Amino acid sequence: FFFELVGAMELAPPDSPYGWVVAVSAASAQFVTLGSINCFGVFFEPLHKYFGVGNAKLAAVVSLANFVAPLVGTIAGNVADKYGVRGIVFVAAICQGLSFFLGSMVTDFMTLL
């Protein structure tokens, strides 16, 4: 039954190739965002030596990021519904780039946290 139903449906081609640009852009943004949070284990030992703090304190950085991300996502989703996605993505990209830049200048643990 399912195959008959699927075979009966005809899908319209996409409106333009611009959809692929959006899909690749979204995948790239997810790769950078989730990759920066989830690769923390790779940098755990060098950061542990650099800052000289315990494992629990250093792990708190990732825990805080994983706690804050859904909260910010909920707020950003509501704002995007009201004002549109393009502006939210632009602001988020600026904030993320700025956070990477400023994060590279961190010299003490409390600033990292």
C-alpha atoms as a PDB file:
ATOM      1  CA  PHE A   1       0.000   0.000   0.000  1.00  0.00           C
ATOM      2  CA  PHE A   2       2.755   2.459   0.947  1.00  0.00           C
ATOM      3  CA  PHE A   3       4.681   1.931  -2.281  1.00  0.00           C
ATOM      4  CA  GLU A   4       1.534   2.379  -4.335  1.00  0.00           C
ATOM      5  CA  LEU A   5       0.771   5.623  -2.532  1.00  0.00           C
ATOM      6  CA  VAL A   6       4.315   6.931  -2.910  1.00  0.00           C
ATOM      7  CA  GLY A   7       4.391   5.940  -6.569  1.00  0.00           C
ATOM      8  CA  ALA A   8       1.162   7.820  -7.173  1.00  0.00           C
ATOM      9  CA  MET A   9       2.514  11.081  -5.768  1.00  0.00           C
ATOM     10  CA  GLU A  10       4.462  13.334  -8.054  1.00  0.00           C
ATOM     11  CA  LEU A  11       6.895  15.716  -6.451  1.00  0.00           C
ATOM     12  CA  ALA A  12       7.432  19.124  -7.959  1.00  0.00           C
ATOM     13  CA  PRO A  13      11.036  20.162  -8.597  1.00  0.00           C
ATOM     14  CA  PRO A  14      12.471  22.810  -6.272  1.00  0.00           C
ATOM     15  CA  ASP A  15      11.885  26.428  -7.169  1.00  0.00           C
ATOM     16  CA  SER A  16      15.543  27.249  -7.657  1.00  0.00           C
ATOM     17  CA  PRO A  17      19.059  26.004  -6.902  1.00  0.00           C
ATOM     18  CA  TYR A  18      19.121  28.578  -4.101  1.00  0.00           C
ATOM     19  CA  GLY A  19      17.646  25.891  -1.845  1.00  0.00           C
ATOM     20  CA  TRP A  20      20.963  24.041  -2.025  1.00  0.00           C
ATOM     21  CA  VAL A  21      22.798  27.193  -0.947  1.00  0.00           C
ATOM     22  CA  VAL A  22      20.540  27.416   2.094  1.00  0.00           C
ATOM     23  CA  ALA A  23      20.985  23.710   2.885  1.00  0.00           C
ATOM     24  CA  VAL A  24      24.783  23.849   2.623  1.00  0.00           C
ATOM     25  CA  SER A  25      24.884  27.052   4.672  1.00  0.00           C
ATOM     26  CA  ALA A  26      22.748  25.513   7.413  1.00  0.00           C
ATOM     27  CA  ALA A  27      24.862  22.346   7.469  1.00  0.00           C
ATOM     28  CA  SER A  28      28.047  24.421   7.676  1.00  0.00           C
ATOM     29  CA  ALA A  29      26.669  26.487  10.538  1.00  0.00           C
ATOM     30  CA  GLN A  30      25.693  23.330  12.443  1.00  0.00           C
ATOM     31  CA  PHE A  31      29.124  21.819  11.772  1.00  0.00           C
ATOM     32  CA  VAL A  32      30.931  24.842  13.198  1.00  0.00           C
ATOM     33  CA  THR A  33      28.551  25.381  16.123  1.00  0.00           C
ATOM     34  CA  LEU A  34      28.182  21.801  17.287  1.00  0.00           C
ATOM     35  CA  GLY A  35      31.759  20.968  16.387  1.00  0.00           C
ATOM     36  CA  SER A  36      33.130  23.717  18.590  1.00  0.00           C
ATOM     37  CA  ILE A  37      31.151  22.453  21.577  1.00  0.00           C
ATOM     38  CA  ASN A  38      31.517  18.717  21.009  1.00  0.00           C
ATOM     39  CA  CYS A  39      35.260  18.689  20.269  1.00  0.00           C
ATOM     40  CA  PHE A  40      36.081  20.007  23.722  1.00  0.00           C
ATOM     41  CA  GLY A  41      37.505  16.639  24.739  1.00  0.00           C
ATOM     42  CA  VAL A  42      40.287  17.037  22.202  1.00  0.00           C
ATOM     43  CA  PHE A  43      41.441  20.237  23.895  1.00  0.00           C
ATOM     44  CA  PHE A  44      40.732  19.118  27.457  1.00  0.00           C
ATOM     45  CA  GLU A  45      44.296  18.139  28.394  1.00  0.00           C
ATOM     46  CA  PRO A  46      46.011  21.220  26.905  1.00  0.00           C
ATOM     47  CA  LEU A  47      43.446  23.508  28.566  1.00  0.00           C
ATOM     48  CA  HIS A  48      43.862  21.600  31.834  1.00  0.00           C
ATOM     49  CA  LYS A  49      47.616  22.248  31.740  1.00  0.00           C
ATOM     50  CA  TYR A  50      47.262  25.877  30.593  1.00  0.00           C
ATOM     51  CA  PHE A  51      44.702  26.999  33.174  1.00  0.00           C
ATOM     52  CA  GLY A  52      45.811  24.681  35.976  1.00  0.00           C
ATOM     53  CA  VAL A  53      42.302  23.934  37.209  1.00  0.00           C
ATOM     54  CA  GLY A  54      40.621  20.673  38.147  1.00  0.00           C
ATOM     55  CA  ASN A  55      38.708  18.462  35.755  1.00  0.00           C
ATOM     56  CA  ALA A  56      35.327  19.423  37.206  1.00  0.00           C
ATOM     57  CA  LYS A  57      35.908  23.137  36.778  1.00  0.00           C
ATOM     58  CA  LEU A  58      37.097  22.713  33.215  1.00  0.00           C
ATOM     59  CA  ALA A  59      34.166  20.438  32.365  1.00  0.00           C
ATOM     60  CA  ALA A  60      31.843  23.128  33.722  1.00  0.00           C
ATOM     61  CA  VAL A  61      32.642  25.228  30.648  1.00  0.00           C
ATOM     62  CA  VAL A  62      31.069  22.663  28.314  1.00  0.00           C
ATOM     63  CA  SER A  63      28.242  21.994  30.735  1.00  0.00           C
ATOM     64  CA  LEU A  64      27.426  25.683  30.826  1.00  0.00           C
ATOM     65  CA  ALA A  65      27.516  25.887  27.018  1.00  0.00           C
ATOM     66  CA  ASN A  66      25.199  22.872  26.725  1.00  0.00           C
ATOM     67  CA  PHE A  67      22.843  24.446  29.265  1.00  0.00           C
ATOM     68  CA  VAL A  68      22.749  27.908  27.696  1.00  0.00           C
ATOM     69  CA  ALA A  69      22.456  26.818  24.034  1.00  0.00           C
ATOM     70  CA  PRO A  70      18.858  25.497  24.244  1.00  0.00           C
ATOM     71  CA  LEU A  71      17.764  28.544  26.225  1.00  0.00           C
ATOM     72  CA  VAL A  72      19.204  30.917  23.639  1.00  0.00           C
ATOM     73  CA  GLY A  73      17.779  28.731  20.861  1.00  0.00           C
ATOM     74  CA  THR A  74      14.296  29.008  22.310  1.00  0.00           C
ATOM     75  CA  ILE A  75      14.509  32.777  22.480  1.00  0.00           C
ATOM     76  CA  ALA A  76      16.078  33.030  19.017  1.00  0.00           C
ATOM     77  CA  GLY A  77      13.376  30.769  17.581  1.00  0.00           C
ATOM     78  CA  ASN A  78      10.617  32.995  18.904  1.00  0.00           C
ATOM     79  CA  VAL A  79      12.367  36.120  17.633  1.00  0.00           C
ATOM     80  CA  ALA A  80      12.923  34.451  14.238  1.00  0.00           C
ATOM     81  CA  ASP A  81       9.228  33.601  13.998  1.00  0.00           C
ATOM     82  CA  LYS A  82       8.366  37.218  14.656  1.00  0.00           C
ATOM     83  CA  TYR A  83      11.030  39.046  12.615  1.00  0.00           C
ATOM     84  CA  GLY A  84      12.421  36.481  10.169  1.00  0.00           C
ATOM     85  CA  VAL A  85      15.315  34.077  10.093  1.00  0.00           C
ATOM     86  CA  ARG A  86      17.795  36.062   8.024  1.00  0.00           C
ATOM     87  CA  GLY A  87      18.458  38.738  10.650  1.00  0.00           C
ATOM     88  CA  ILE A  88      18.743  36.206  13.475  1.00  0.00           C
ATOM     89  CA  VAL A  89      21.256  34.120  11.524  1.00  0.00           C
ATOM     90  CA  PHE A  90      23.266  37.236  10.695  1.00  0.00           C
ATOM     91  CA  VAL A  91      23.401  38.334  14.333  1.00  0.00           C
ATOM     92  CA  ALA A  92      24.221  34.778  15.457  1.00  0.00           C
ATOM     93  CA  ALA A  93      27.079  34.537  12.946  1.00  0.00           C
ATOM     94  CA  ILE A  94      28.510  37.837  14.147  1.00  0.00           C
ATOM     95  CA  CYS A  95      28.221  36.739  17.792  1.00  0.00           C
ATOM     96  CA  GLN A  96      29.822  33.368  17.089  1.00  0.00           C
ATOM     97  CA  GLY A  97      32.704  34.873  15.153  1.00  0.00           C
ATOM     98  CA  LEU A  98      33.243  37.434  17.887  1.00  0.00           C
ATOM     99  CA  SER A  99      33.163  34.725  20.560  1.00  0.00           C
ATOM    100  CA  PHE A 100      35.794  32.676  18.686  1.00  0.00           C
ATOM    101  CA  PHE A 101      37.964  35.757  18.340  1.00  0.00           C
ATOM    102  CA  LEU A 102      37.615  36.810  21.977  1.00  0.00           C
ATOM    103  CA  GLY A 103      37.955  33.202  23.162  1.00  0.00           C
ATOM    104  CA  SER A 104      41.379  33.033  21.570  1.00  0.00           C
ATOM    105  CA  MET A 105      42.537  35.837  23.889  1.00  0.00           C
ATOM    106  CA  VAL A 106      41.445  34.226  27.171  1.00  0.00           C
ATOM    107  CA  THR A 107      44.271  34.084  29.702  1.00  0.00           C
ATOM    108  CA  ASP A 108      42.514  32.985  32.912  1.00  0.00           C
ATOM    109  CA  PHE A 109      39.888  30.412  33.766  1.00  0.00           C
ATOM    110  CA  MET A 110      37.187  32.783  35.021  1.00  0.00           C
ATOM    111  CA  THR A 111      37.223  34.611  31.695  1.00  0.00           C
ATOM    112  CA  LEU A 112      36.854  31.275  29.887  1.00  0.00           C
ATOM    113  CA  LEU A 113      33.901  30.367  32.064  1.00  0.00           C
END
